[in-house]
Amino acid sequence: MALVRILVDGYSLLHSWPELAPGKPRHSAAAREELIYWLTRYRDAIGTPLTIVFDGGGAPVGTPATHSTPELEILFSRSGQTADDIIERVAHRMTPFGEVLAVTDDNAERDTVIAMGGLASSCLSFIQTVESTLKEQELSIKNHNRKERTQFKKSHS
């Protein structure tokens, strides 16, 4: 079955990825924006829609409006909800359409998503996947540009 969406527990991933927004508190707008930046690049590279869910009784006061799209959703849980609640609900609702991948370090949450027929990844494993995918993309672009330059030079000699 095809992977139809990646569901990311935003703060779980931020706590596991200290290289993002170094020196910034993990719940800060700067850390969230850095995470969104990298996951946007990853989503663009793989083409699979992605949802980032942050815990928090709605967006914190002063949070700039997010620019969610169907391809990259950014959600904040409402008061009395957790990111896990939203991830479980979305995973359940997406079942008829294909598999979802839940990214979290919460073992119980991963087990729940797997029991619903989805896939799950630890944050560290997902970070490694993101980094290697983006490195491969960068290398591919470099190689493409090198070939194009060579071809351009040959055609204008």
Protein backbone atom coordinates (compact mmCIF):
# COMPACT_ATOMS: atom_id res chain seq x y z
CA MET A 1 0.00 0.00 0.00
CA ALA A 2 1.22 3.51 -0.77
CA LEU A 3 2.34 6.00 1.86
CA VAL A 4 -0.27 8.77 1.76
CA ARG A 5 0.89 11.11 4.53
CA ILE A 6 3.63 11.58 7.11
CA LEU A 7 2.41 12.68 10.54
CA VAL A 8 5.08 14.35 12.68
CA ASP A 9 4.89 15.08 16.41
CA GLY A 10 6.60 18.46 16.08
CA TYR A 11 7.95 18.92 19.58
CA SER A 12 9.05 15.29 19.84
CA LEU A 13 11.09 15.77 16.67
CA LEU A 14 12.47 19.14 17.81
CA HIS A 15 13.69 17.64 21.10
CA SER A 16 15.52 14.93 19.15
CA TRP A 17 17.11 17.33 16.65
CA PRO A 18 19.30 19.75 18.67
CA GLU A 19 21.17 20.85 15.51
CA LEU A 20 18.07 22.79 14.51
CA ALA A 21 17.94 26.30 15.94
CA PRO A 22 20.89 25.74 18.29
CA GLY A 23 20.58 27.70 21.52
CA LYS A 24 16.88 28.35 20.98
CA PRO A 25 14.30 26.88 23.36
CA ARG A 26 12.65 23.82 21.81
CA HIS A 27 9.17 25.37 22.16
CA SER A 28 10.19 28.69 20.59
CA ALA A 29 8.85 30.10 17.35
CA ALA A 30 12.41 30.11 15.96
CA ALA A 31 12.81 26.37 16.60
CA ARG A 32 9.39 25.62 15.08
CA GLU A 33 10.18 27.71 11.98
CA GLU A 34 13.51 25.94 11.50
CA LEU A 35 11.79 22.56 11.74
CA ILE A 36 9.13 23.65 9.25
CA TYR A 37 11.85 24.88 6.87
CA TRP A 38 13.67 21.51 6.86
CA LEU A 39 10.50 19.45 6.64
CA THR A 40 9.28 21.62 3.75
CA ARG A 41 12.49 20.84 1.87
CA TYR A 42 12.08 17.15 2.67
CA ARG A 43 8.45 17.14 1.55
CA ASP A 44 9.44 18.84 -1.69
CA ALA A 45 12.11 16.19 -2.28
CA ILE A 46 9.88 13.15 -1.68
CA GLY A 47 6.48 14.44 -2.76
CA THR A 48 4.56 12.81 0.12
CA PRO A 49 2.20 15.16 2.00
CA LEU A 50 3.28 15.92 5.54
CA THR A 51 1.48 17.13 8.67
CA ILE A 52 3.39 18.63 11.60
CA VAL A 53 1.40 18.64 14.84
CA PHE A 54 2.51 20.71 17.83
CA ASP A 55 1.07 20.28 21.33
CA GLY A 56 -0.30 23.36 22.81
CA GLY A 57 -3.88 24.44 23.33
CA GLY A 58 -3.79 26.23 20.00
CA ALA A 59 -0.91 28.24 18.65
CA PRO A 60 0.99 30.11 21.38
CA VAL A 61 0.25 33.82 21.70
CA GLY A 62 2.31 35.81 19.21
CA THR A 63 2.77 32.86 16.85
CA PRO A 64 2.75 34.12 13.27
CA ALA A 65 0.05 32.66 11.08
CA THR A 66 1.16 29.39 9.58
CA HIS A 67 1.02 28.83 5.87
CA SER A 68 -0.50 25.38 5.76
CA THR A 69 -1.20 23.78 2.43
CA PRO A 70 -2.67 20.37 1.62
CA GLU A 71 0.91 19.21 0.99
CA LEU A 72 2.32 20.60 4.25
CA GLU A 73 -0.08 21.11 7.14
CA ILE A 74 0.99 22.78 10.37
CA LEU A 75 -1.39 22.17 13.26
CA PHE A 76 -1.51 23.07 16.95
CA SER A 77 -3.59 20.88 19.25
CA ARG A 78 -6.44 22.57 21.06
CA SER A 79 -6.71 22.86 24.82
CA GLY A 80 -7.31 19.40 26.26
CA GLN A 81 -5.83 17.70 23.19
CA THR A 82 -2.35 16.44 22.49
CA ALA A 83 -0.43 16.02 19.27
CA ASP A 84 -0.84 12.27 19.86
CA ASP A 85 -4.65 12.62 19.83
CA ILE A 86 -4.54 14.37 16.47
CA ILE A 87 -2.03 11.93 14.98
CA GLU A 88 -4.18 8.96 16.05
CA ARG A 89 -7.35 10.50 14.63
CA VAL A 90 -5.70 11.36 11.30
CA ALA A 91 -4.05 7.93 11.07
CA HIS A 92 -7.45 6.29 11.61
CA ARG A 93 -9.21 8.50 9.05
CA MET A 94 -6.50 7.96 6.42
CA THR A 95 -6.66 4.13 6.64
CA PRO A 96 -8.96 3.72 3.61
CA PHE A 97 -6.57 5.77 1.45
CA GLY A 98 -3.28 4.05 2.28
CA GLU A 99 -0.60 3.95 4.94
CA VAL A 100 0.52 6.84 7.10
CA LEU A 101 3.90 7.19 8.78
CA ALA A 102 3.86 8.56 12.32
CA VAL A 103 7.10 10.16 13.53
CA THR A 104 7.38 10.30 17.31
CA ASP A 105 9.51 9.06 20.17
CA ASP A 106 6.39 8.01 22.08
CA ASN A 107 6.46 4.19 21.92
CA ALA A 108 2.78 3.83 22.83
CA GLU A 109 1.85 6.23 20.04
CA ARG A 110 3.93 4.32 17.51
CA ASP A 111 2.31 1.04 18.63
CA THR A 112 -1.17 2.56 18.26
CA VAL A 113 -0.51 3.76 14.72
CA ILE A 114 1.00 0.40 13.76
CA ALA A 115 -2.06 -1.39 15.20
CA MET A 116 -4.22 0.76 12.88
CA GLY A 117 -2.21 -0.45 9.90
CA GLY A 118 0.15 2.49 9.65
CA LEU A 119 3.91 2.78 9.91
CA ALA A 120 5.94 4.44 12.64
CA SER A 121 9.43 5.84 13.00
CA SER A 122 11.51 7.06 15.88
CA CYS A 123 12.61 10.67 15.59
CA LEU A 124 16.30 9.75 15.24
CA SER A 125 15.58 7.35 12.38
CA PHE A 126 13.44 9.97 10.64
CA ILE A 127 16.11 12.68 11.08
CA GLN A 128 18.66 10.38 9.44
CA THR A 129 16.23 9.76 6.56
CA VAL A 130 15.60 13.49 6.09
CA GLU A 131 19.30 14.34 6.14
CA SER A 132 20.29 11.57 3.71
CA THR A 133 17.42 12.39 1.34
CA LEU A 134 18.38 16.06 1.24
CA LYS A 135 22.07 15.21 0.71
CA GLU A 136 21.14 12.90 -2.17
CA GLN A 137 18.98 15.62 -3.69
CA GLU A 138 21.78 18.18 -3.38
CA LEU A 139 24.23 15.79 -5.05
CA SER A 140 21.75 15.06 -7.83
CA ILE A 141 21.26 18.78 -8.47
CA LYS A 142 25.03 19.35 -8.54
CA ASN A 143 25.49 16.53 -11.05
CA HIS A 144 22.65 17.80 -13.19
CA ASN A 145 24.04 21.34 -13.19
CA ARG A 146 27.53 20.06 -14.03
CA LYS A 147 26.16 18.12 -17.04
CA GLU A 148 24.15 21.12 -18.20
CA ARG A 149 27.19 23.43 -17.94
CA THR A 150 29.31 20.97 -19.90
CA GLN A 151 26.65 20.63 -22.57
CA PHE A 152 26.22 24.41 -22.76
CA LYS A 153 29.98 24.93 -23.17
CA LYS A 154 30.13 22.28 -25.91
CA SER A 155 27.23 23.83 -27.81
CA HIS A 156 28.77 27.32 -27.62
CA SER A 157 32.33 26.36 -28.59
